[in-house]
């Protein structure tokens, strides 16, 4: 899409880096912002808008990337609150979506739902995934390798984290209906509701308790 730069809207862009983002997806108070003249291709930004109608530095919650700087054309790449960086992996939701498409293609399956958490175990942190699928019939070891290997090749920060504090990946496959039941139990049921892709440890514990109650 193309930004309207002459219609009473002022755009600011904050580089989408973990040091500028709080756990809830909001920005730290002194996060640096740049204007349209300084943006670059192949960089995720948090979009902030101010308007002549009264909105002041409104954080819309989306991350964007420029596809054409001269024409101010952008694409939406994710949400600020769906960002996993507990151990330095720096994974935005678009990277997580790409990671899910990899086993879908590799194993000729569909995974319509997922969520994950950087969960602490006795031996360290693991990215703990729950995948919602009705027809995923491969071994857990192959699923783990598919996600882990793809992210190491697609994201240099994840690869570095895997050599340090991030011990590995854990995967559990469940029916997608459990995801929908969870949303319903949290009063978020409906066709426009999206499952939270990234959870903090406290909420993830509640999620795992809910899953176990359904199995």
C-alpha atoms as a PDB file:
ATOM      1  CA  UNK A   1       0.000   0.000   0.000  1.00  0.00           C
ATOM      2  CA  UNK A   2       1.032   3.615  -0.508  1.00  0.00           C
ATOM      3  CA  UNK A   3       1.221   6.103   2.338  1.00  0.00           C
ATOM      4  CA  UNK A   4      -0.775   9.303   1.847  1.00  0.00           C
ATOM      5  CA  UNK A   5       1.850  11.922   2.579  1.00  0.00           C
ATOM      6  CA  UNK A   6      -0.142  15.038   1.618  1.00  0.00           C
ATOM      7  CA  UNK A   7      -3.425  14.451   3.427  1.00  0.00           C
ATOM      8  CA  UNK A   8      -2.877  15.795   6.913  1.00  0.00           C
ATOM      9  CA  UNK A   9      -1.071  12.743   8.319  1.00  0.00           C
ATOM     10  CA  UNK A  10       2.440  12.912   9.743  1.00  0.00           C
ATOM     11  CA  UNK A  11       4.319   9.617   9.818  1.00  0.00           C
ATOM     12  CA  UNK A  12       7.132   8.564  12.130  1.00  0.00           C
ATOM     13  CA  UNK A  13       9.046   5.294  12.044  1.00  0.00           C
ATOM     14  CA  UNK A  14      10.819   3.571  14.921  1.00  0.00           C
ATOM     15  CA  UNK A  15      13.276   0.817  13.954  1.00  0.00           C
ATOM     16  CA  UNK A  16      11.777  -2.450  15.182  1.00  0.00           C
ATOM     17  CA  UNK A  17      14.502  -3.477  17.594  1.00  0.00           C
ATOM     18  CA  UNK A  18      14.067  -5.251  20.943  1.00  0.00           C
ATOM     19  CA  UNK A  19      15.709  -2.478  22.950  1.00  0.00           C
ATOM     20  CA  UNK A  20      12.915  -0.117  21.886  1.00  0.00           C
ATOM     21  CA  UNK A  21       9.943  -2.439  22.543  1.00  0.00           C
ATOM     22  CA  UNK A  22       8.296  -3.310  25.853  1.00  0.00           C
ATOM     23  CA  UNK A  23       6.914  -6.799  26.513  1.00  0.00           C
ATOM     24  CA  UNK A  24       3.340  -5.610  25.837  1.00  0.00           C
ATOM     25  CA  UNK A  25       4.288  -4.241  22.409  1.00  0.00           C
ATOM     26  CA  UNK A  26       4.433  -0.589  23.433  1.00  0.00           C
ATOM     27  CA  UNK A  27       7.470   1.607  22.853  1.00  0.00           C
ATOM     28  CA  UNK A  28       9.910   2.701  25.517  1.00  0.00           C
ATOM     29  CA  UNK A  29       9.557   6.447  26.265  1.00  0.00           C
ATOM     30  CA  UNK A  30      12.765   7.496  24.495  1.00  0.00           C
ATOM     31  CA  UNK A  31      12.586   5.191  21.465  1.00  0.00           C
ATOM     32  CA  UNK A  32      14.176   7.069  18.530  1.00  0.00           C
ATOM     33  CA  UNK A  33      12.018   7.836  15.527  1.00  0.00           C
ATOM     34  CA  UNK A  34      12.887   8.886  11.996  1.00  0.00           C
ATOM     35  CA  UNK A  35      10.955  10.519   9.188  1.00  0.00           C
ATOM     36  CA  UNK A  36      10.225   9.323   5.694  1.00  0.00           C
ATOM     37  CA  UNK A  37      13.416  10.809   4.252  1.00  0.00           C
ATOM     38  CA  UNK A  38      15.602   8.492   6.378  1.00  0.00           C
ATOM     39  CA  UNK A  39      13.856   5.114   6.034  1.00  0.00           C
ATOM     40  CA  UNK A  40      15.490   2.168   4.272  1.00  0.00           C
ATOM     41  CA  UNK A  41      14.452  -0.996   2.505  1.00  0.00           C
ATOM     42  CA  UNK A  42      14.660  -4.390   4.257  1.00  0.00           C
ATOM     43  CA  UNK A  43      14.067  -2.900   7.701  1.00  0.00           C
ATOM     44  CA  UNK A  44      11.036  -3.388   9.943  1.00  0.00           C
ATOM     45  CA  UNK A  45       9.615  -0.230  11.501  1.00  0.00           C
ATOM     46  CA  UNK A  46       6.969   0.545  14.082  1.00  0.00           C
ATOM     47  CA  UNK A  47       4.545   3.018  12.530  1.00  0.00           C
ATOM     48  CA  UNK A  48       3.416   6.112  14.456  1.00  0.00           C
ATOM     49  CA  UNK A  49       0.928   8.620  13.082  1.00  0.00           C
ATOM     50  CA  UNK A  50      -0.181  12.114  14.018  1.00  0.00           C
ATOM     51  CA  UNK A  51      -3.101  13.778  12.237  1.00  0.00           C
ATOM     52  CA  UNK A  52      -4.668  17.209  11.857  1.00  0.00           C
ATOM     53  CA  UNK A  53      -7.871  15.760  13.355  1.00  0.00           C
ATOM     54  CA  UNK A  54      -6.211  15.365  16.739  1.00  0.00           C
ATOM     55  CA  UNK A  55      -4.394  12.027  16.917  1.00  0.00           C
ATOM     56  CA  UNK A  56      -0.990  12.581  18.499  1.00  0.00           C
ATOM     57  CA  UNK A  57       1.784  10.025  17.957  1.00  0.00           C
ATOM     58  CA  UNK A  58      -0.699   7.173  17.745  1.00  0.00           C
ATOM     59  CA  UNK A  59       0.926   3.739  17.777  1.00  0.00           C
ATOM     60  CA  UNK A  60      -1.214   1.638  15.456  1.00  0.00           C
ATOM     61  CA  UNK A  61       0.421  -1.615  16.603  1.00  0.00           C
ATOM     62  CA  UNK A  62       1.597  -2.766  13.181  1.00  0.00           C
ATOM     63  CA  UNK A  63       5.149  -3.221  11.971  1.00  0.00           C
ATOM     64  CA  UNK A  64       5.848  -2.282   8.367  1.00  0.00           C
ATOM     65  CA  UNK A  65       8.573  -2.611   5.765  1.00  0.00           C
ATOM     66  CA  UNK A  66       9.136  -0.317   2.781  1.00  0.00           C
ATOM     67  CA  UNK A  67       8.864  -1.930  -0.627  1.00  0.00           C
ATOM     68  CA  UNK A  68       9.552   1.344  -2.467  1.00  0.00           C
ATOM     69  CA  UNK A  69      10.987   4.283  -0.523  1.00  0.00           C
ATOM     70  CA  UNK A  70      10.642   6.842  -3.310  1.00  0.00           C
ATOM     71  CA  UNK A  71       6.919   6.064  -3.689  1.00  0.00           C
ATOM     72  CA  UNK A  72       6.381   5.587   0.077  1.00  0.00           C
ATOM     73  CA  UNK A  73       4.981   2.110  -0.524  1.00  0.00           C
ATOM     74  CA  UNK A  74       4.865  -0.305   2.384  1.00  0.00           C
ATOM     75  CA  UNK A  75       3.705  -3.761   3.414  1.00  0.00           C
ATOM     76  CA  UNK A  76       2.490  -4.859   6.851  1.00  0.00           C
ATOM     77  CA  UNK A  77       4.933  -7.338   8.380  1.00  0.00           C
ATOM     78  CA  UNK A  78       3.446  -8.041  11.820  1.00  0.00           C
ATOM     79  CA  UNK A  79       2.293  -6.728  15.174  1.00  0.00           C
ATOM     80  CA  UNK A  80       4.450  -5.127  17.833  1.00  0.00           C
ATOM     81  CA  UNK A  81       2.930  -7.281  20.594  1.00  0.00           C
ATOM     82  CA  UNK A  82       3.704 -10.518  18.729  1.00  0.00           C
ATOM     83  CA  UNK A  83       7.439 -10.309  19.149  1.00  0.00           C
ATOM     84  CA  UNK A  84       9.664 -12.922  20.782  1.00  0.00           C
ATOM     85  CA  UNK A  85      12.954 -11.730  22.195  1.00  0.00           C
ATOM     86  CA  UNK A  86      13.274 -13.243  25.673  1.00  0.00           C
ATOM     87  CA  UNK A  87      16.712 -14.677  24.892  1.00  0.00           C
ATOM     88  CA  UNK A  88      17.771 -12.416  22.024  1.00  0.00           C
ATOM     89  CA  UNK A  89      16.164 -14.329  19.152  1.00  0.00           C
ATOM     90  CA  UNK A  90      14.373 -11.205  17.812  1.00  0.00           C
ATOM     91  CA  UNK A  91      11.511 -12.979  16.055  1.00  0.00           C
ATOM     92  CA  UNK A  92       8.604 -10.912  14.756  1.00  0.00           C
ATOM     93  CA  UNK A  93       5.318 -12.522  13.820  1.00  0.00           C
ATOM     94  CA  UNK A  94       6.127 -12.495  10.102  1.00  0.00           C
ATOM     95  CA  UNK A  95       9.226 -14.620  10.802  1.00  0.00           C
ATOM     96  CA  UNK A  96       7.139 -16.981  12.907  1.00  0.00           C
ATOM     97  CA  UNK A  97       4.560 -17.261  10.128  1.00  0.00           C
ATOM     98  CA  UNK A  98       7.345 -18.057   7.659  1.00  0.00           C
ATOM     99  CA  UNK A  99       8.650 -20.722  10.029  1.00  0.00           C
ATOM    100  CA  UNK A 100       5.209 -22.371  10.123  1.00  0.00           C
ATOM    101  CA  UNK A 101       4.922 -22.389   6.332  1.00  0.00           C
ATOM    102  CA  UNK A 102       8.168 -24.369   6.135  1.00  0.00           C
ATOM    103  CA  UNK A 103       6.852 -27.610   7.762  1.00  0.00           C
ATOM    104  CA  UNK A 104       3.558 -27.133   5.932  1.00  0.00           C
ATOM    105  CA  UNK A 105       5.421 -27.323   2.641  1.00  0.00           C
ATOM    106  CA  UNK A 106       7.985 -29.891   3.775  1.00  0.00           C
ATOM    107  CA  UNK A 107       5.415 -32.331   5.145  1.00  0.00           C
ATOM    108  CA  UNK A 108       2.507 -31.495   2.822  1.00  0.00           C
ATOM    109  CA  UNK A 109       0.209 -30.496   5.667  1.00  0.00           C
ATOM    110  CA  UNK A 110      -1.719 -27.530   7.057  1.00  0.00           C
ATOM    111  CA  UNK A 111      -1.102 -25.779  10.389  1.00  0.00           C
ATOM    112  CA  UNK A 112      -3.863 -23.170  10.744  1.00  0.00           C
ATOM    113  CA  UNK A 113      -3.032 -22.265  14.352  1.00  0.00           C
ATOM    114  CA  UNK A 114       0.023 -21.947  16.548  1.00  0.00           C
ATOM    115  CA  UNK A 115       1.365 -20.198  19.613  1.00  0.00           C
ATOM    116  CA  UNK A 116       4.681 -20.268  21.439  1.00  0.00           C
ATOM    117  CA  UNK A 117       6.637 -19.011  24.419  1.00  0.00           C
ATOM    118  CA  UNK A 118      10.288 -18.765  25.370  1.00  0.00           C
ATOM    119  CA  UNK A 119       9.782 -21.039  28.372  1.00  0.00           C
ATOM    120  CA  UNK A 120      12.339 -21.652  31.084  1.00  0.00           C
ATOM    121  CA  UNK A 121      13.154 -25.273  31.926  1.00  0.00           C
ATOM    122  CA  UNK A 122      15.698 -26.636  34.398  1.00  0.00           C
ATOM    123  CA  UNK A 123      18.442 -26.606  31.758  1.00  0.00           C
ATOM    124  CA  UNK A 124      17.559 -23.262  30.172  1.00  0.00           C
ATOM    125  CA  UNK A 125      15.122 -21.610  27.767  1.00  0.00           C
ATOM    126  CA  UNK A 126      13.326 -23.433  24.961  1.00  0.00           C
ATOM    127  CA  UNK A 127      11.019 -22.013  22.324  1.00  0.00           C
ATOM    128  CA  UNK A 128       7.963 -24.055  23.196  1.00  0.00           C
ATOM    129  CA  UNK A 129       5.525 -24.336  20.282  1.00  0.00           C
ATOM    130  CA  UNK A 130       1.951 -25.596  20.164  1.00  0.00           C
ATOM    131  CA  UNK A 131       0.834 -26.361  16.618  1.00  0.00           C
ATOM    132  CA  UNK A 132      -2.822 -26.780  15.697  1.00  0.00           C
ATOM    133  CA  UNK A 133      -3.273 -29.335  12.925  1.00  0.00           C
ATOM    134  CA  UNK A 134      -5.583 -32.218  12.038  1.00  0.00           C
ATOM    135  CA  UNK A 135      -3.313 -33.961   9.529  1.00  0.00           C
ATOM    136  CA  UNK A 136       0.260 -33.475  10.758  1.00  0.00           C
ATOM    137  CA  UNK A 137       1.619 -37.036  10.851  1.00  0.00           C
ATOM    138  CA  UNK A 138       5.380 -36.753  11.270  1.00  0.00           C
ATOM    139  CA  UNK A 139       7.653 -37.471  14.193  1.00  0.00           C
ATOM    140  CA  UNK A 140       8.237 -34.842  16.835  1.00  0.00           C
ATOM    141  CA  UNK A 141      11.979 -34.899  16.129  1.00  0.00           C
ATOM    142  CA  UNK A 142      11.404 -34.000  12.477  1.00  0.00           C
ATOM    143  CA  UNK A 143       9.051 -31.176  13.415  1.00  0.00           C
ATOM    144  CA  UNK A 144      11.542 -29.758  15.898  1.00  0.00           C
ATOM    145  CA  UNK A 145      14.340 -29.917  13.325  1.00  0.00           C
ATOM    146  CA  UNK A 146      12.173 -28.309  10.620  1.00  0.00           C
ATOM    147  CA  UNK A 147      11.350 -25.262  12.749  1.00  0.00           C
ATOM    148  CA  UNK A 148      14.765 -24.928  14.351  1.00  0.00           C
ATOM    149  CA  UNK A 149      16.779 -25.344  11.147  1.00  0.00           C
ATOM    150  CA  UNK A 150      14.588 -22.929   9.197  1.00  0.00           C
ATOM    151  CA  UNK A 151      14.838 -20.186  11.812  1.00  0.00           C
ATOM    152  CA  UNK A 152      18.597 -20.605  12.127  1.00  0.00           C
ATOM    153  CA  UNK A 153      18.922 -20.130   8.365  1.00  0.00           C
ATOM    154  CA  UNK A 154      16.389 -17.285   8.131  1.00  0.00           C
ATOM    155  CA  UNK A 155      17.284 -15.185  11.173  1.00  0.00           C
ATOM    156  CA  UNK A 156      20.849 -14.483  12.270  1.00  0.00           C
ATOM    157  CA  UNK A 157      19.756 -13.315  15.730  1.00  0.00           C
ATOM    158  CA  UNK A 158      17.969 -16.603  16.324  1.00  0.00           C
ATOM    159  CA  UNK A 159      21.061 -18.518  15.236  1.00  0.00           C
ATOM    160  CA  UNK A 160      23.206 -16.543  17.679  1.00  0.00           C
ATOM    161  CA  UNK A 161      20.661 -17.118  20.474  1.00  0.00           C
ATOM    162  CA  UNK A 162      20.742 -20.872  19.778  1.00  0.00           C
ATOM    163  CA  UNK A 163      24.446 -20.824  20.518  1.00  0.00           C
ATOM    164  CA  UNK A 164      23.899 -19.053  23.836  1.00  0.00           C
ATOM    165  CA  UNK A 165      20.868 -18.925  26.134  1.00  0.00           C
ATOM    166  CA  UNK A 166      18.324 -20.621  23.863  1.00  0.00           C
ATOM    167  CA  UNK A 167      18.722 -24.379  24.330  1.00  0.00           C
ATOM    168  CA  UNK A 168      16.372 -25.548  21.599  1.00  0.00           C
ATOM    169  CA  UNK A 169      12.809 -26.115  20.456  1.00  0.00           C
ATOM    170  CA  UNK A 170       9.941 -28.146  21.893  1.00  0.00           C
ATOM    171  CA  UNK A 171       6.797 -28.901  19.872  1.00  0.00           C
ATOM    172  CA  UNK A 172       3.342 -30.216  20.817  1.00  0.00           C
ATOM    173  CA  UNK A 173       0.697 -30.879  18.161  1.00  0.00           C
ATOM    174  CA  UNK A 174      -2.959 -30.508  19.151  1.00  0.00           C
ATOM    175  CA  UNK A 175      -6.280 -30.135  17.367  1.00  0.00           C
ATOM    176  CA  UNK A 176      -7.040 -26.578  16.178  1.00  0.00           C
ATOM    177  CA  UNK A 177     -10.338 -26.745  18.082  1.00  0.00           C
ATOM    178  CA  UNK A 178      -8.454 -26.255  21.354  1.00  0.00           C
ATOM    179  CA  UNK A 179      -7.199 -22.886  20.112  1.00  0.00           C
ATOM    180  CA  UNK A 180     -10.763 -21.827  19.306  1.00  0.00           C
ATOM    181  CA  UNK A 181     -11.993 -23.073  22.704  1.00  0.00           C
ATOM    182  CA  UNK A 182      -9.258 -21.044  24.409  1.00  0.00           C
ATOM    183  CA  UNK A 183     -10.328 -17.885  22.605  1.00  0.00           C
ATOM    184  CA  UNK A 184     -13.956 -18.592  23.543  1.00  0.00           C
ATOM    185  CA  UNK A 185     -13.041 -19.136  27.194  1.00  0.00           C
ATOM    186  CA  UNK A 186     -11.286 -15.758  27.132  1.00  0.00           C
ATOM    187  CA  UNK A 187     -14.289 -14.031  25.545  1.00  0.00           C
ATOM    188  CA  UNK A 188     -12.486 -13.628  22.230  1.00  0.00           C
ATOM    189  CA  UNK A 189     -14.485 -15.986  20.062  1.00  0.00           C
ATOM    190  CA  UNK A 190     -15.406 -15.007  16.510  1.00  0.00           C
ATOM    191  CA  UNK A 191     -14.254 -15.002  12.923  1.00  0.00           C
ATOM    192  CA  UNK A 192     -12.191 -11.841  13.347  1.00  0.00           C
ATOM    193  CA  UNK A 193     -10.322 -13.025  16.446  1.00  0.00           C
ATOM    194  CA  UNK A 194      -6.717 -14.111  16.027  1.00  0.00           C
ATOM    195  CA  UNK A 195      -4.913 -16.419  18.403  1.00  0.00           C
ATOM    196  CA  UNK A 196      -2.049 -14.841  20.307  1.00  0.00           C
ATOM    197  CA  UNK A 197       1.083 -16.034  18.545  1.00  0.00           C
ATOM    198  CA  UNK A 198       3.477 -15.165  21.377  1.00  0.00           C
ATOM    199  CA  UNK A 199       2.774 -15.458  25.110  1.00  0.00           C
ATOM    200  CA  UNK A 200       4.647 -14.531  28.258  1.00  0.00           C
ATOM    201  CA  UNK A 201       5.407 -17.303  30.723  1.00  0.00           C
ATOM    202  CA  UNK A 202       2.516 -16.545  33.105  1.00  0.00           C
ATOM    203  CA  UNK A 203      -0.128 -16.602  30.384  1.00  0.00           C
ATOM    204  CA  UNK A 204       1.533 -19.580  28.735  1.00  0.00           C
ATOM    205  CA  UNK A 205       1.158 -21.561  31.965  1.00  0.00           C
ATOM    206  CA  UNK A 206      -2.578 -20.828  31.908  1.00  0.00           C
ATOM    207  CA  UNK A 207      -2.630 -21.908  28.253  1.00  0.00           C
ATOM    208  CA  UNK A 208      -0.868 -25.189  28.987  1.00  0.00           C
ATOM    209  CA  UNK A 209      -3.213 -25.902  31.897  1.00  0.00           C
ATOM    210  CA  UNK A 210      -6.144 -25.274  29.553  1.00  0.00           C
ATOM    211  CA  UNK A 211      -4.686 -27.574  26.887  1.00  0.00           C
ATOM    212  CA  UNK A 212      -4.102 -30.346  29.404  1.00  0.00           C
ATOM    213  CA  UNK A 213      -7.701 -30.076  30.578  1.00  0.00           C
ATOM    214  CA  UNK A 214      -8.840 -30.737  26.988  1.00  0.00           C
ATOM    215  CA  UNK A 215      -6.605 -33.746  26.277  1.00  0.00           C
END
